[in-house]
N, C-alpha and C. Protein backbone atom coordinates (compact mmCIF):
# COMPACT_ATOMS: atom_id res chain seq x y z
N MET A 1 -97.84 -116.27 -28.49
CA MET A 1 -96.36 -116.62 -28.21
C MET A 1 -95.99 -117.70 -29.27
N ALA A 2 -97.19 -118.64 -30.04
CA ALA A 2 -96.76 -119.15 -30.98
C ALA A 2 -95.85 -118.82 -31.80
N GLU A 3 -96.30 -117.21 -32.35
CA GLU A 3 -95.42 -117.00 -33.14
C GLU A 3 -93.70 -116.70 -32.66
N ASP A 4 -93.99 -116.74 -31.14
CA ASP A 4 -92.64 -116.53 -30.97
C ASP A 4 -91.35 -117.78 -30.59
N ASP A 5 -92.31 -117.72 -30.38
CA ASP A 5 -91.86 -120.01 -31.13
C ASP A 5 -91.03 -120.42 -31.88
N LYS A 6 -92.03 -119.67 -32.97
CA LYS A 6 -90.72 -119.67 -34.62
C LYS A 6 -89.74 -119.04 -34.51
N LEU A 7 -89.77 -117.86 -34.07
CA LEU A 7 -88.98 -117.05 -34.15
C LEU A 7 -87.08 -117.66 -33.57
N GLU A 8 -86.47 -117.96 -34.37
CA GLU A 8 -85.35 -118.16 -33.54
C GLU A 8 -84.33 -117.77 -32.91
N PRO A 9 -83.38 -118.03 -31.61
CA PRO A 9 -82.06 -117.11 -31.73
C PRO A 9 -81.38 -116.34 -32.69
N ALA A 10 -81.07 -114.96 -32.54
CA ALA A 10 -80.76 -114.70 -33.96
C ALA A 10 -79.20 -115.24 -33.73
N GLN A 11 -78.53 -115.00 -34.72
CA GLN A 11 -76.79 -116.36 -35.31
C GLN A 11 -76.47 -114.65 -34.94
N THR A 12 -75.31 -114.98 -34.53
CA THR A 12 -74.13 -113.88 -34.99
C THR A 12 -73.73 -113.87 -35.57
N VAL A 13 -73.11 -113.80 -36.71
CA VAL A 13 -72.06 -113.81 -37.65
C VAL A 13 -70.27 -113.67 -37.49
N PRO A 14 -69.85 -114.57 -37.30
CA PRO A 14 -68.50 -115.04 -36.83
C PRO A 14 -67.52 -112.98 -37.84
N GLU A 15 -67.52 -112.87 -37.16
CA GLU A 15 -66.31 -111.72 -37.83
C GLU A 15 -64.84 -112.01 -38.18
N THR A 16 -64.68 -112.86 -39.46
CA THR A 16 -63.79 -113.54 -40.29
C THR A 16 -63.19 -112.29 -40.50
N ALA A 17 -63.55 -111.54 -41.21
CA ALA A 17 -62.59 -110.09 -41.86
C ALA A 17 -61.63 -109.65 -41.00
N PRO A 18 -61.49 -109.48 -40.27
CA PRO A 18 -59.87 -108.36 -39.02
C PRO A 18 -59.63 -109.36 -38.86
N VAL A 19 -59.72 -110.29 -38.18
CA VAL A 19 -58.83 -111.94 -38.02
C VAL A 19 -58.00 -112.14 -39.10
N GLU A 20 -58.86 -112.08 -41.13
CA GLU A 20 -57.87 -112.66 -42.12
C GLU A 20 -57.11 -112.01 -42.33
N ALA A 21 -57.38 -110.08 -42.24
CA ALA A 21 -56.82 -109.52 -42.53
C ALA A 21 -55.29 -109.30 -41.42
N GLU A 22 -55.56 -109.62 -40.40
CA GLU A 22 -54.40 -109.81 -38.99
C GLU A 22 -53.97 -110.38 -39.21
N GLN A 23 -54.42 -112.12 -40.38
CA GLN A 23 -52.96 -112.55 -40.40
C GLN A 23 -52.59 -112.47 -41.64
N THR A 24 -53.37 -112.17 -42.59
CA THR A 24 -52.68 -111.21 -43.89
C THR A 24 -51.28 -110.46 -43.68
N ASP A 25 -51.17 -109.70 -42.82
CA ASP A 25 -51.08 -108.56 -42.44
C ASP A 25 -49.22 -109.36 -41.91
N GLU A 26 -49.51 -110.24 -41.06
CA GLU A 26 -48.69 -111.14 -39.96
C GLU A 26 -48.00 -111.93 -41.05
N LYS A 27 -48.73 -112.22 -42.07
CA LYS A 27 -47.69 -113.05 -43.03
C LYS A 27 -47.01 -112.68 -43.83
N ALA A 28 -47.22 -111.62 -44.39
CA ALA A 28 -46.72 -110.43 -45.25
C ALA A 28 -45.58 -110.28 -44.22
N ALA A 29 -45.34 -109.95 -43.08
CA ALA A 29 -44.68 -109.21 -41.85
C ALA A 29 -43.43 -110.25 -42.25
N LEU A 30 -43.70 -111.92 -41.74
CA LEU A 30 -42.60 -112.78 -41.11
C LEU A 30 -42.08 -113.07 -43.08
N GLN A 31 -42.96 -112.85 -43.69
CA GLN A 31 -42.25 -112.92 -45.02
C GLN A 31 -41.11 -111.73 -45.34
N LYS A 32 -41.85 -110.59 -45.05
CA LYS A 32 -40.48 -109.97 -45.36
C LYS A 32 -39.27 -109.89 -44.25
N GLN A 33 -39.71 -110.54 -43.12
CA GLN A 33 -38.87 -110.53 -42.26
C GLN A 33 -37.48 -111.86 -42.64
N LEU A 34 -38.58 -112.91 -43.53
CA LEU A 34 -38.03 -114.30 -43.88
C LEU A 34 -37.01 -113.54 -45.17
N ALA A 35 -37.41 -112.61 -45.93
CA ALA A 35 -36.76 -112.17 -46.83
C ALA A 35 -35.75 -111.94 -46.62
N ASP A 36 -35.96 -110.81 -45.51
CA ASP A 36 -34.35 -110.17 -44.93
C ASP A 36 -33.26 -110.72 -43.99
N MET A 37 -33.74 -112.14 -43.34
CA MET A 37 -32.53 -112.87 -43.17
C MET A 37 -32.18 -114.10 -44.20
N ARG A 38 -32.71 -114.06 -45.17
CA ARG A 38 -32.46 -114.90 -46.24
C ARG A 38 -31.11 -113.36 -47.29
N ASP A 39 -31.25 -111.99 -47.41
CA ASP A 39 -30.28 -111.76 -47.87
C ASP A 39 -29.34 -111.26 -47.00
N ARG A 40 -29.67 -111.49 -46.44
CA ARG A 40 -28.73 -110.90 -44.53
C ARG A 40 -27.67 -112.04 -44.46
N TYR A 41 -28.13 -113.60 -44.50
CA TYR A 41 -27.42 -115.03 -45.21
C TYR A 41 -26.61 -114.88 -46.05
N LEU A 42 -27.66 -115.18 -47.30
CA LEU A 42 -26.27 -114.75 -48.25
C LEU A 42 -25.22 -113.96 -48.71
N ARG A 43 -25.62 -112.79 -47.97
CA ARG A 43 -24.32 -111.24 -47.84
C ARG A 43 -23.22 -112.20 -46.23
N ALA A 44 -23.47 -112.55 -45.94
CA ALA A 44 -22.97 -113.46 -44.83
C ALA A 44 -21.65 -114.08 -45.75
N ALA A 45 -22.82 -115.41 -45.93
CA ALA A 45 -21.60 -116.44 -46.67
C ALA A 45 -20.90 -115.87 -48.39
N ALA A 46 -21.30 -114.99 -49.00
CA ALA A 46 -20.75 -114.00 -49.63
C ALA A 46 -19.50 -113.48 -48.85
N GLU A 47 -19.26 -112.36 -48.15
CA GLU A 47 -18.52 -112.52 -47.17
C GLU A 47 -17.20 -113.33 -46.62
N THR A 48 -17.78 -114.41 -46.44
CA THR A 48 -17.16 -116.08 -45.30
C THR A 48 -16.39 -116.49 -46.64
N GLU A 49 -16.78 -116.08 -48.26
CA GLU A 49 -15.69 -116.94 -49.04
C GLU A 49 -14.57 -115.66 -49.54
N ASN A 50 -15.44 -114.70 -49.46
CA ASN A 50 -14.32 -113.43 -49.59
C ASN A 50 -13.12 -113.77 -48.86
N VAL A 51 -13.81 -113.43 -47.05
CA VAL A 51 -12.56 -113.71 -46.87
C VAL A 51 -11.13 -115.17 -46.59
N ARG A 52 -12.03 -115.90 -47.05
CA ARG A 52 -11.56 -117.57 -47.50
C ARG A 52 -10.82 -117.63 -48.71
N LYS A 53 -11.15 -116.63 -49.64
CA LYS A 53 -10.10 -116.28 -50.44
C LYS A 53 -9.14 -115.52 -50.09
N ARG A 54 -9.34 -114.87 -49.53
CA ARG A 54 -8.03 -113.61 -49.27
C ARG A 54 -7.28 -114.43 -48.79
N ALA A 55 -7.49 -114.45 -47.30
CA ALA A 55 -6.62 -115.46 -46.11
C ALA A 55 -6.33 -117.03 -47.48
N GLU A 56 -6.55 -117.25 -48.55
CA GLU A 56 -5.72 -118.49 -48.87
C GLU A 56 -4.60 -117.40 -50.23
N ARG A 57 -4.69 -116.32 -50.38
CA ARG A 57 -4.32 -115.75 -51.59
C ARG A 57 -3.30 -115.61 -50.72
N GLU A 58 -3.03 -114.72 -49.31
CA GLU A 58 -2.03 -114.22 -48.24
C GLU A 58 -1.48 -115.55 -48.12
N VAL A 59 -1.71 -116.84 -48.06
CA VAL A 59 -1.05 -117.96 -47.16
C VAL A 59 0.11 -118.25 -48.61
N ALA A 60 -0.62 -118.15 -50.49
CA ALA A 60 0.12 -118.32 -50.96
C ALA A 60 0.89 -117.80 -51.25
N ASP A 61 0.46 -115.91 -51.16
CA ASP A 61 1.74 -114.86 -51.72
C ASP A 61 3.04 -115.18 -50.26
N SER A 62 2.80 -115.11 -49.02
CA SER A 62 3.58 -115.53 -48.09
C SER A 62 5.07 -116.73 -48.18
N ARG A 63 4.10 -117.77 -48.55
CA ARG A 63 4.51 -118.56 -49.26
C ARG A 63 5.27 -118.31 -49.78
N SER A 64 5.16 -118.29 -51.41
CA SER A 64 6.45 -116.89 -52.08
C SER A 64 7.13 -116.26 -51.44
N TYR A 65 6.53 -115.77 -51.38
CA TYR A 65 7.51 -113.82 -50.66
C TYR A 65 8.32 -114.09 -49.78
N ALA A 66 7.88 -115.47 -48.72
CA ALA A 66 8.65 -115.10 -47.64
C ALA A 66 10.11 -114.71 -47.69
N ILE A 67 10.71 -114.99 -48.40
CA ILE A 67 12.17 -115.01 -48.31
C ILE A 67 13.09 -113.99 -49.89
N ALA A 68 12.10 -113.28 -49.79
CA ALA A 68 12.56 -112.22 -50.19
C ALA A 68 13.21 -110.74 -49.86
N ASN A 69 12.82 -111.17 -48.78
CA ASN A 69 14.32 -110.09 -47.91
C ASN A 69 15.35 -110.79 -47.67
N PHE A 70 15.70 -112.18 -47.73
CA PHE A 70 16.64 -112.78 -47.73
C PHE A 70 17.32 -113.05 -49.19
N ALA A 71 16.48 -113.20 -50.20
CA ALA A 71 16.90 -113.22 -51.29
C ALA A 71 17.39 -111.78 -51.64
N ARG A 72 17.14 -110.99 -51.51
CA ARG A 72 17.42 -109.43 -51.29
C ARG A 72 19.12 -109.64 -51.34
N ASP A 73 19.28 -109.92 -49.99
CA ASP A 73 20.75 -109.82 -48.93
C ASP A 73 21.17 -111.33 -50.25
N ALA A 74 20.91 -112.13 -50.16
CA ALA A 74 21.63 -113.07 -51.47
C ALA A 74 21.75 -112.59 -52.47
N ILE A 75 21.35 -111.37 -53.01
CA ILE A 75 22.25 -111.29 -54.61
C ILE A 75 23.05 -110.84 -54.07
N ALA A 76 23.44 -109.57 -53.11
CA ALA A 76 25.12 -109.85 -53.21
C ALA A 76 26.22 -110.34 -52.96
N VAL A 77 25.69 -111.37 -52.72
CA VAL A 77 26.64 -112.59 -52.45
C VAL A 77 27.29 -113.51 -53.96
N ALA A 78 25.85 -113.10 -54.60
CA ALA A 78 25.95 -113.33 -56.15
C ALA A 78 26.83 -113.01 -56.85
N ASP A 79 25.99 -111.43 -56.57
CA ASP A 79 26.85 -110.62 -57.09
C ASP A 79 29.01 -110.57 -57.27
N ASN A 80 28.91 -110.80 -56.11
CA ASN A 80 30.26 -110.99 -55.13
C ASN A 80 30.88 -111.98 -55.75
N LEU A 81 30.47 -113.17 -56.03
CA LEU A 81 31.36 -114.27 -56.76
C LEU A 81 31.23 -114.61 -57.85
N ASN A 82 30.62 -113.79 -58.66
CA ASN A 82 30.58 -113.60 -59.87
C ASN A 82 30.94 -112.34 -60.36
N ARG A 83 31.84 -111.63 -59.11
CA ARG A 83 33.26 -110.48 -59.68
C ARG A 83 34.14 -111.04 -59.13
N ALA A 84 34.05 -111.76 -58.70
CA ALA A 84 35.43 -112.45 -57.90
C ALA A 84 35.88 -113.45 -59.28
N LEU A 85 34.77 -113.86 -60.18
CA LEU A 85 35.11 -114.73 -61.21
C LEU A 85 35.98 -113.21 -62.52
N GLU A 86 34.98 -112.83 -63.10
CA GLU A 86 35.20 -111.97 -63.85
C GLU A 86 36.31 -111.25 -63.40
N THR A 87 37.12 -110.83 -62.00
CA THR A 87 38.86 -110.37 -62.46
C THR A 87 39.62 -111.18 -62.77
N ILE A 88 39.51 -112.38 -62.98
CA ILE A 88 41.27 -113.16 -63.68
C ILE A 88 40.41 -113.12 -64.84
N ALA A 89 41.50 -112.94 -65.74
CA ALA A 89 41.85 -112.60 -67.21
C ALA A 89 41.63 -114.25 -67.75
N PRO A 90 40.80 -114.21 -68.76
CA PRO A 90 40.94 -116.07 -69.19
C PRO A 90 41.82 -116.16 -69.49
N ASP A 91 42.95 -115.55 -70.40
CA ASP A 91 44.28 -116.35 -70.08
C ASP A 91 45.05 -116.58 -68.97
N ALA A 92 44.38 -116.14 -67.66
CA ALA A 92 45.55 -116.62 -66.45
C ALA A 92 45.00 -117.55 -65.83
N ARG A 93 43.21 -118.30 -66.36
CA ARG A 93 42.72 -118.27 -65.34
C ARG A 93 43.12 -120.03 -66.78
N ALA A 94 43.23 -119.13 -67.78
CA ALA A 94 43.83 -121.13 -69.05
C ALA A 94 45.48 -121.44 -68.34
N ALA A 95 46.17 -120.05 -67.76
CA ALA A 95 47.42 -121.13 -67.62
C ALA A 95 47.01 -121.54 -65.66
N ALA A 96 46.35 -121.15 -65.43
CA ALA A 96 46.06 -121.44 -63.68
C ALA A 96 46.64 -122.97 -63.15
N GLU A 97 47.60 -123.43 -62.19
CA GLU A 97 48.25 -124.92 -62.16
C GLU A 97 47.78 -124.95 -60.71
N GLY A 98 47.50 -125.88 -60.44
CA GLY A 98 47.20 -126.22 -58.55
C GLY A 98 46.51 -125.83 -57.97
N THR A 99 47.25 -125.11 -57.04
CA THR A 99 45.96 -124.68 -56.29
C THR A 99 44.88 -123.28 -56.81
N LEU A 100 45.82 -123.04 -57.56
CA LEU A 100 45.51 -121.22 -57.99
C LEU A 100 44.06 -121.92 -58.83
N LYS A 101 44.39 -123.26 -59.35
CA LYS A 101 43.71 -123.85 -60.02
C LYS A 101 41.67 -124.09 -59.24
N SER A 102 42.41 -124.58 -58.09
CA SER A 102 41.38 -126.14 -57.57
C SER A 102 40.80 -124.12 -56.84
N LEU A 103 40.98 -123.55 -56.79
CA LEU A 103 40.76 -122.12 -56.24
C LEU A 103 39.40 -121.76 -57.10
N LEU A 104 40.06 -121.92 -58.00
CA LEU A 104 39.39 -121.12 -59.32
C LEU A 104 38.05 -121.76 -59.66
N GLU A 105 38.14 -122.84 -59.52
CA GLU A 105 37.44 -124.03 -59.92
C GLU A 105 36.09 -123.82 -58.60
N GLY A 106 36.51 -123.63 -57.20
CA GLY A 106 35.76 -124.17 -56.02
C GLY A 106 34.99 -122.64 -56.18
N VAL A 107 35.44 -121.55 -56.20
CA VAL A 107 34.53 -120.42 -56.58
C VAL A 107 33.99 -120.65 -57.91
N GLU A 108 33.65 -121.47 -58.84
CA GLU A 108 32.73 -121.06 -60.17
C GLU A 108 31.79 -122.56 -59.53
N LEU A 109 31.95 -123.42 -59.05
CA LEU A 109 30.61 -124.16 -58.18
C LEU A 109 30.40 -123.33 -57.41
N THR A 110 30.77 -122.63 -56.74
CA THR A 110 30.02 -122.15 -55.31
C THR A 110 29.20 -121.82 -56.32
N GLU A 111 29.49 -120.81 -56.65
CA GLU A 111 28.95 -119.22 -57.62
C GLU A 111 27.40 -120.24 -58.32
N ARG A 112 27.88 -121.00 -59.29
CA ARG A 112 26.43 -122.48 -59.60
C ARG A 112 26.19 -122.56 -59.09
N GLU A 113 26.63 -123.21 -57.51
CA GLU A 113 25.41 -123.62 -57.17
C GLU A 113 24.91 -122.84 -56.14
N PHE A 114 25.84 -121.91 -55.46
CA PHE A 114 24.27 -120.02 -55.51
C PHE A 114 22.98 -120.17 -55.96
N GLN A 115 23.53 -120.24 -57.93
CA GLN A 115 22.67 -119.58 -58.77
C GLN A 115 21.82 -120.71 -58.43
N LYS A 116 22.11 -122.18 -58.78
CA LYS A 116 20.95 -123.06 -58.67
C LYS A 116 20.30 -123.07 -57.49
N THR A 117 20.56 -123.14 -55.98
CA THR A 117 19.62 -122.68 -55.22
C THR A 117 18.68 -121.42 -55.18
N LEU A 118 19.14 -120.47 -55.80
CA LEU A 118 18.54 -119.09 -56.27
C LEU A 118 16.83 -119.63 -57.14
N LYS A 119 17.67 -120.45 -57.43
CA LYS A 119 16.51 -120.87 -58.79
C LYS A 119 15.06 -121.89 -57.70
N LYS A 120 16.17 -122.59 -57.41
CA LYS A 120 14.79 -123.55 -56.74
C LYS A 120 13.98 -123.25 -55.71
N HIS A 121 13.79 -121.88 -55.11
CA HIS A 121 13.86 -121.62 -54.58
C HIS A 121 13.01 -120.31 -54.75
N GLY A 122 12.57 -120.49 -56.49
CA GLY A 122 11.51 -119.09 -57.67
C GLY A 122 12.57 -117.41 -57.62
N VAL A 123 13.27 -117.71 -57.28
CA VAL A 123 14.58 -116.50 -57.43
C VAL A 123 14.80 -116.60 -59.37
N ARG A 124 14.54 -116.16 -59.43
CA ARG A 124 15.17 -116.05 -61.01
C ARG A 124 15.84 -114.43 -61.51
N LYS A 125 17.04 -115.15 -62.89
CA LYS A 125 18.22 -113.93 -62.66
C LYS A 125 17.02 -113.56 -64.50
N LEU A 126 17.70 -112.43 -63.94
CA LEU A 126 17.43 -111.23 -65.24
C LEU A 126 18.58 -111.46 -65.98
N ASP A 127 18.95 -111.69 -67.37
CA ASP A 127 20.24 -111.30 -68.03
C ASP A 127 20.03 -111.00 -69.84
N PRO A 128 19.22 -109.77 -69.44
CA PRO A 128 17.94 -109.73 -70.51
C PRO A 128 18.38 -109.25 -72.44
N ALA A 129 19.50 -109.52 -72.57
CA ALA A 129 20.97 -109.13 -73.39
C ALA A 129 20.16 -109.71 -74.58
N GLY A 130 19.73 -108.78 -75.52
CA GLY A 130 18.99 -109.07 -77.05
C GLY A 130 17.97 -109.12 -76.66
N GLU A 131 16.95 -108.94 -75.73
CA GLU A 131 15.55 -108.87 -75.40
C GLU A 131 15.06 -107.47 -75.56
N LYS A 132 13.63 -107.27 -75.38
CA LYS A 132 13.56 -105.75 -76.00
C LYS A 132 12.94 -105.16 -74.32
N PHE A 133 13.22 -104.36 -74.27
CA PHE A 133 13.69 -103.86 -73.13
C PHE A 133 12.20 -103.09 -72.43
N ASP A 134 11.94 -103.76 -71.03
CA ASP A 134 10.42 -104.02 -70.55
C ASP A 134 11.06 -103.31 -68.72
N PRO A 135 10.58 -101.64 -69.03
CA PRO A 135 10.55 -101.23 -68.05
C PRO A 135 10.10 -101.87 -66.43
N ASN A 136 9.25 -103.18 -66.39
CA ASN A 136 8.85 -103.45 -65.74
C ASN A 136 9.94 -104.01 -64.73
N PHE A 137 11.59 -104.77 -65.74
CA PHE A 137 12.16 -105.63 -65.60
C PHE A 137 13.09 -104.77 -65.65
N HIS A 138 13.75 -103.69 -66.31
CA HIS A 138 14.71 -102.89 -66.46
C HIS A 138 15.32 -101.39 -66.01
N GLN A 139 16.00 -101.43 -66.00
CA GLN A 139 16.11 -100.30 -65.92
C GLN A 139 17.54 -99.80 -66.41
N ALA A 140 16.99 -98.56 -67.82
CA ALA A 140 17.82 -97.80 -69.15
C ALA A 140 18.95 -96.91 -67.87
N MET A 141 20.18 -97.83 -68.25
CA MET A 141 21.03 -96.40 -67.43
C MET A 141 22.58 -95.71 -68.77
N PHE A 142 22.19 -96.15 -69.98
CA PHE A 142 22.57 -95.36 -71.45
C PHE A 142 21.93 -96.14 -72.61
N GLU A 143 21.75 -95.09 -73.29
CA GLU A 143 21.14 -95.61 -74.76
C GLU A 143 23.32 -95.99 -75.77
N VAL A 144 23.02 -96.80 -76.57
CA VAL A 144 23.59 -96.73 -77.45
C VAL A 144 23.56 -96.77 -78.92
N PRO A 145 24.03 -95.63 -78.89
CA PRO A 145 23.43 -95.45 -80.88
C PRO A 145 23.91 -96.63 -82.03
N ASP A 146 23.32 -97.62 -82.67
CA ASP A 146 23.55 -98.29 -83.25
C ASP A 146 22.26 -98.76 -84.59
N GLN A 147 22.28 -98.26 -85.27
CA GLN A 147 22.25 -98.34 -86.85
C GLN A 147 21.34 -99.38 -86.54
N ASN A 148 22.52 -100.63 -87.29
CA ASN A 148 22.57 -102.23 -87.35
C ASN A 148 21.53 -102.84 -86.45
N VAL A 149 20.66 -102.15 -85.06
CA VAL A 149 20.13 -102.79 -83.85
C VAL A 149 18.86 -101.93 -84.10
N PRO A 150 17.79 -102.58 -83.94
CA PRO A 150 16.40 -102.33 -83.43
C PRO A 150 16.86 -101.27 -82.66
N ALA A 151 16.35 -100.28 -82.76
CA ALA A 151 15.62 -99.21 -81.28
C ALA A 151 14.69 -100.14 -79.73
N GLY A 152 15.12 -99.92 -79.13
CA GLY A 152 14.81 -100.32 -77.99
C GLY A 152 14.91 -101.47 -77.22
N LEU A 153 16.05 -102.29 -78.00
CA LEU A 153 16.69 -103.55 -77.26
C LEU A 153 17.81 -103.71 -76.90
N VAL A 154 17.62 -104.62 -75.39
CA VAL A 154 18.93 -104.59 -74.91
C VAL A 154 20.11 -104.52 -75.93
N VAL A 155 20.98 -103.50 -75.66
CA VAL A 155 22.73 -104.36 -76.03
C VAL A 155 23.31 -104.51 -75.27
N GLN A 156 23.39 -104.14 -74.03
CA GLN A 156 24.42 -104.64 -73.03
C GLN A 156 23.61 -104.71 -71.14
N VAL A 157 24.63 -105.32 -70.53
CA VAL A 157 23.81 -105.76 -69.61
C VAL A 157 25.20 -105.08 -67.89
N VAL A 158 25.08 -104.05 -67.68
CA VAL A 158 25.87 -103.68 -66.78
C VAL A 158 25.58 -104.48 -65.30
N GLN A 159 24.53 -104.86 -65.04
CA GLN A 159 24.31 -105.58 -64.11
C GLN A 159 23.04 -106.34 -64.20
N THR A 160 22.63 -107.74 -63.84
CA THR A 160 22.30 -108.50 -64.10
C THR A 160 21.04 -108.65 -62.85
N GLY A 161 19.39 -108.96 -63.36
CA GLY A 161 17.99 -108.47 -62.48
C GLY A 161 17.93 -109.50 -61.61
N TYR A 162 17.25 -109.64 -61.29
CA TYR A 162 16.75 -111.16 -60.29
C TYR A 162 14.98 -110.50 -59.82
N ALA A 163 13.96 -111.21 -59.90
CA ALA A 163 12.79 -111.63 -59.83
C ALA A 163 12.61 -112.64 -59.25
N ILE A 164 11.76 -112.83 -57.84
CA ILE A 164 10.72 -113.22 -57.14
C ILE A 164 9.58 -113.98 -57.22
N GLY A 165 9.06 -114.33 -58.14
CA GLY A 165 7.90 -115.23 -59.09
C GLY A 165 7.66 -113.92 -59.82
N ASP A 166 6.75 -112.68 -59.40
CA ASP A 166 5.97 -111.54 -60.01
C ASP A 166 6.82 -110.32 -59.79
N ARG A 167 7.26 -110.62 -58.33
CA ARG A 167 7.92 -109.32 -58.62
C ARG A 167 9.83 -108.91 -58.32
N VAL A 168 9.69 -107.64 -58.75
CA VAL A 168 11.61 -107.61 -58.78
C VAL A 168 12.00 -107.24 -57.70
N LEU A 169 13.36 -107.88 -57.25
CA LEU A 169 14.05 -108.37 -56.10
C LEU A 169 15.05 -106.59 -56.20
N ARG A 170 15.49 -106.91 -57.69
CA ARG A 170 16.83 -105.39 -58.22
C ARG A 170 16.49 -105.80 -59.91
N PRO A 171 15.52 -104.54 -60.65
CA PRO A 171 16.36 -104.74 -61.90
C PRO A 171 17.12 -104.70 -62.38
N ALA A 172 16.81 -105.49 -63.92
CA ALA A 172 18.50 -105.15 -64.41
C ALA A 172 18.76 -103.78 -65.17
N LEU A 173 20.05 -103.15 -64.73
CA LEU A 173 20.77 -102.54 -65.38
C LEU A 173 21.46 -102.93 -66.49
N VAL A 174 20.48 -102.14 -67.63
CA VAL A 174 20.98 -102.17 -68.78
C VAL A 174 21.13 -100.72 -70.03
N GLY A 175 21.88 -100.74 -70.62
CA GLY A 175 22.37 -100.15 -72.17
C GLY A 175 20.91 -100.63 -72.94
N VAL A 176 20.59 -99.55 -73.42
CA VAL A 176 19.32 -99.87 -74.79
C VAL A 176 19.71 -99.33 -75.90
N SER A 177 19.49 -100.21 -77.28
CA SER A 177 19.80 -99.33 -78.45
C SER A 177 19.10 -98.32 -78.96
N LYS A 178 19.66 -97.08 -79.51
CA LYS A 178 19.41 -96.27 -80.07
C LYS A 178 19.53 -95.89 -82.01
N GLY A 179 17.95 -95.22 -82.39
CA GLY A 179 18.71 -94.76 -83.88
C GLY A 179 18.32 -95.95 -84.87
N GLY A 180 17.93 -97.04 -84.51
CA GLY A 180 17.96 -98.07 -85.59
C GLY A 180 16.54 -98.49 -85.91
N SER A 181 16.32 -99.45 -86.53
CA SER A 181 14.66 -99.64 -87.56
C SER A 181 14.14 -99.98 -85.40
N LYS A 182 12.22 -99.63 -85.49
CA LYS A 182 12.09 -99.28 -84.41
C LYS A 182 11.93 -101.35 -84.79
N MET A 183 11.75 -101.54 -82.94
CA MET A 183 10.98 -103.22 -82.49
C MET A 183 9.54 -103.75 -83.27
N PRO A 184 10.34 -104.43 -83.82
CA PRO A 184 8.86 -105.72 -84.71
C PRO A 184 8.15 -105.35 -83.65
N PRO A 185 6.12 -104.97 -83.76
CA PRO A 185 5.77 -105.97 -82.03
C PRO A 185 6.02 -107.27 -82.10
N ALA A 186 5.28 -107.24 -80.55
CA ALA A 186 6.28 -108.96 -80.19
C ALA A 186 4.33 -109.88 -80.47
N PRO A 187 4.75 -110.94 -80.88
CA PRO A 187 3.73 -111.61 -81.35
C PRO A 187 2.75 -112.00 -80.29
N VAL A 188 1.89 -111.74 -80.68
CA VAL A 188 0.28 -112.65 -79.84
C VAL A 188 -0.66 -113.70 -80.31
N GLY A 189 -0.28 -113.99 -79.33
CA GLY A 189 -1.45 -115.86 -78.83
C GLY A 189 -2.23 -115.74 -79.09
N LYS A 190 -2.94 -116.76 -79.48
CA LYS A 190 -4.04 -117.13 -79.49
C LYS A 190 -5.48 -116.49 -78.72
N ASN A 191 -4.97 -116.03 -77.16
CA ASN A 191 -5.57 -115.46 -76.75
C ASN A 191 -5.28 -114.17 -76.58
N GLY A 192 -4.53 -113.54 -77.18
CA GLY A 192 -4.00 -112.22 -76.64
C GLY A 192 -2.66 -111.62 -76.24
N GLU A 193 -2.61 -113.32 -75.28
CA GLU A 193 -1.38 -112.59 -74.46
C GLU A 193 0.47 -112.47 -75.75
N ASP A 194 0.47 -111.50 -74.73
CA ASP A 194 2.01 -111.64 -75.23
C ASP A 194 3.15 -113.21 -75.56
N VAL A 195 3.68 -113.33 -76.41
CA VAL A 195 4.25 -114.57 -76.11
C VAL A 195 5.69 -114.11 -76.71
N GLY A 196 6.00 -113.06 -76.28
CA GLY A 196 7.52 -112.96 -77.24
C GLY A 196 8.31 -113.85 -75.94
N GLN A 197 9.93 -113.22 -76.15
CA GLN A 197 10.66 -113.79 -75.30
C GLN A 197 9.54 -113.27 -74.10
N ALA A 198 10.83 -114.68 -72.74
CA ALA A 198 10.45 -114.94 -71.43
C ALA A 198 11.68 -114.12 -70.92
N ASN A 199 11.24 -114.05 -69.55
CA ASN A 199 12.37 -113.70 -68.91
C ASN A 199 12.81 -113.76 -67.94
């Protein structure tokens, strides 16, 4: 038995390999879950930023274009004031005295003030006489054959147009030259933008 006393009890080898494999799998699963959450967060943050920018753009547009419908209706008033002034011949206007002269001056003043108010609210008049025809702002009503004027030039404005911001409320009705030499290309700026006549 002396020999048996020398034998040490059997030592158990800890089974760490399956535990380590289980921890590695769990760690990989957690890292995948973290990557998925990070991706979801980044997508949600980007979507939130896009919604914020879209809302800002819509607010800016509504501020700029809120009066568009009213402005379209008000343009008729501007037209009528202008027509009233154009019906009086220049010699009759010069010969006007007393009440008639005061009335004419009042209508002229009202028309100028009305145009100033439209401009104050971002509505600009499109009076393109002498400019190159632009289908975005002008509507061609007829062509005028004239060899002395380059083709594609607005030579007559039948009715002025109006725009608010970059939106056309009413295009200018124009007569366009035909038959002359071609219009020279518009000058181009440093960044490639058109630096031709502004409307």
